N, C-alpha and C. Protein backbone atom coordinates (compact mmCIF):
# COMPACT_ATOMS: atom_id res chain seq x y z
N MET A 1 -9.18 -4.79 -32.79
CA MET A 1 -8.39 -4.84 -31.63
C MET A 1 -8.43 -6.43 -31.27
N SER A 2 -7.28 -7.07 -31.05
CA SER A 2 -7.38 -8.26 -30.71
C SER A 2 -6.96 -8.60 -29.25
N VAL A 3 -7.47 -9.65 -28.57
CA VAL A 3 -7.03 -9.89 -27.37
C VAL A 3 -5.98 -10.91 -27.15
N VAL A 4 -5.25 -10.71 -26.36
CA VAL A 4 -3.94 -11.77 -26.09
C VAL A 4 -4.10 -12.55 -24.91
N HIS A 5 -4.22 -13.59 -24.95
CA HIS A 5 -4.50 -14.54 -23.91
C HIS A 5 -2.95 -15.11 -23.31
N THR A 6 -2.82 -14.84 -22.29
CA THR A 6 -1.64 -15.50 -21.56
C THR A 6 -1.88 -16.62 -20.56
N ASP A 7 -0.84 -17.33 -20.45
CA ASP A 7 -0.94 -18.49 -19.66
C ASP A 7 -0.49 -18.13 -18.27
N ASN A 8 -1.04 -17.85 -17.31
CA ASN A 8 -0.79 -17.65 -16.03
C ASN A 8 -0.29 -18.56 -14.84
N SER A 9 -0.07 -19.89 -15.49
CA SER A 9 0.32 -20.97 -14.75
C SER A 9 1.69 -20.67 -14.24
N LYS A 10 2.69 -20.11 -15.08
CA LYS A 10 3.95 -19.94 -14.74
C LYS A 10 4.13 -18.88 -13.40
N TYR A 11 3.08 -17.89 -13.64
CA TYR A 11 3.08 -17.03 -12.18
C TYR A 11 2.54 -17.72 -11.03
N VAL A 12 1.53 -18.47 -11.19
CA VAL A 12 1.09 -19.28 -10.14
C VAL A 12 2.08 -20.33 -9.34
N LYS A 13 2.83 -21.07 -10.46
CA LYS A 13 3.98 -21.74 -9.96
C LYS A 13 4.92 -20.94 -9.14
N ARG A 14 5.34 -19.71 -9.60
CA ARG A 14 6.32 -19.12 -8.97
C ARG A 14 5.93 -18.61 -7.67
N GLY A 15 4.70 -18.28 -7.34
CA GLY A 15 4.21 -17.71 -6.36
C GLY A 15 3.84 -18.83 -5.09
N ARG A 16 3.75 -20.17 -5.58
CA ARG A 16 3.51 -21.17 -4.84
C ARG A 16 4.61 -21.35 -3.59
N ASP A 17 5.88 -21.00 -4.01
CA ASP A 17 7.09 -21.10 -3.05
C ASP A 17 7.22 -19.76 -2.23
N LEU A 18 6.53 -18.94 -2.44
CA LEU A 18 6.76 -17.52 -1.55
C LEU A 18 6.00 -17.80 -0.26
N VAL A 19 6.84 -17.49 0.79
CA VAL A 19 6.53 -17.63 2.16
C VAL A 19 6.67 -16.17 2.85
N ILE A 20 5.58 -15.88 3.36
CA ILE A 20 5.65 -14.54 4.28
C ILE A 20 5.53 -15.06 5.71
N ARG A 21 6.42 -14.53 6.47
CA ARG A 21 6.37 -14.97 7.78
C ARG A 21 5.93 -13.59 8.71
N HIS A 22 5.26 -14.00 9.61
CA HIS A 22 4.86 -12.61 10.65
C HIS A 22 5.79 -12.81 11.93
N ASP A 23 6.65 -11.96 12.26
CA ASP A 23 7.15 -12.06 13.36
C ASP A 23 6.71 -11.32 14.46
N PRO A 24 6.17 -12.01 15.60
CA PRO A 24 5.43 -11.37 16.55
C PRO A 24 6.34 -10.22 17.44
N ALA A 25 7.47 -10.25 17.21
CA ALA A 25 8.27 -9.04 17.81
C ALA A 25 8.44 -7.94 17.10
N TRP A 26 7.92 -7.78 15.80
CA TRP A 26 7.80 -6.77 14.99
C TRP A 26 7.44 -5.58 15.64
N LYS A 27 6.12 -5.55 16.13
CA LYS A 27 5.54 -4.60 16.84
C LYS A 27 6.39 -4.03 17.81
N ASP A 28 6.89 -4.76 18.72
CA ASP A 28 7.69 -4.29 19.99
C ASP A 28 8.78 -3.84 19.30
N GLU A 29 9.45 -4.15 18.42
CA GLU A 29 10.76 -3.63 17.91
C GLU A 29 10.34 -2.03 17.11
N LEU A 30 9.53 -2.01 16.47
CA LEU A 30 8.86 -0.69 15.76
C LEU A 30 8.53 0.23 16.91
N ARG A 31 7.94 -0.28 17.99
CA ARG A 31 7.51 0.57 19.17
C ARG A 31 8.80 1.30 19.65
N GLU A 32 9.92 0.26 20.06
CA GLU A 32 11.07 0.76 20.54
C GLU A 32 11.77 1.79 19.60
N ILE A 33 12.05 1.49 18.40
CA ILE A 33 12.62 2.58 17.56
C ILE A 33 11.98 3.80 17.32
N ASN A 34 10.60 3.91 17.48
CA ASN A 34 9.93 5.09 17.58
C ASN A 34 9.86 5.77 18.83
N ARG A 35 10.39 5.31 19.73
CA ARG A 35 10.07 5.87 20.89
C ARG A 35 10.43 7.07 21.40
N PHE A 36 11.63 7.46 21.02
CA PHE A 36 12.14 8.84 21.05
C PHE A 36 12.35 9.58 19.78
N LYS A 37 11.78 9.05 18.67
CA LYS A 37 12.06 9.80 17.56
C LYS A 37 11.09 10.89 17.38
N GLU A 38 11.61 11.96 16.68
CA GLU A 38 10.89 13.17 16.33
C GLU A 38 10.44 13.09 14.92
N GLY A 39 9.53 13.61 14.45
CA GLY A 39 9.03 13.51 13.04
C GLY A 39 8.22 12.39 12.67
N ALA A 40 8.06 12.05 11.46
CA ALA A 40 7.48 10.92 10.90
C ALA A 40 8.01 9.40 11.32
N PRO A 41 7.06 8.81 12.02
CA PRO A 41 7.41 7.43 12.56
C PRO A 41 8.13 6.57 11.68
N PHE A 42 9.01 5.72 11.93
CA PHE A 42 9.47 4.66 11.09
C PHE A 42 8.24 3.57 10.90
N LEU A 43 8.13 3.14 9.70
CA LEU A 43 6.99 2.15 9.37
C LEU A 43 7.43 0.66 9.34
N TYR A 44 8.79 0.36 9.29
CA TYR A 44 9.24 -0.85 9.06
C TYR A 44 10.49 -1.07 10.20
N ALA A 45 10.33 -2.01 10.76
CA ALA A 45 11.39 -2.39 11.51
C ALA A 45 12.50 -3.34 11.01
N ASP A 46 13.66 -3.54 11.52
CA ASP A 46 14.60 -4.46 10.84
C ASP A 46 14.14 -5.66 10.72
N ALA A 47 13.16 -6.08 11.68
CA ALA A 47 12.88 -7.63 11.62
C ALA A 47 12.08 -7.85 10.46
């Protein structure tokens, strides 16, 4: 059985430009859309 070595640098470069932003209003929006909801709550707001 042989081991294949891959060059992960292309994946590192691709992820370098990834930006994840946290919206502070997200929790407030989520709380509001779940306010009168029956059943399982929404987990993700539009924000």
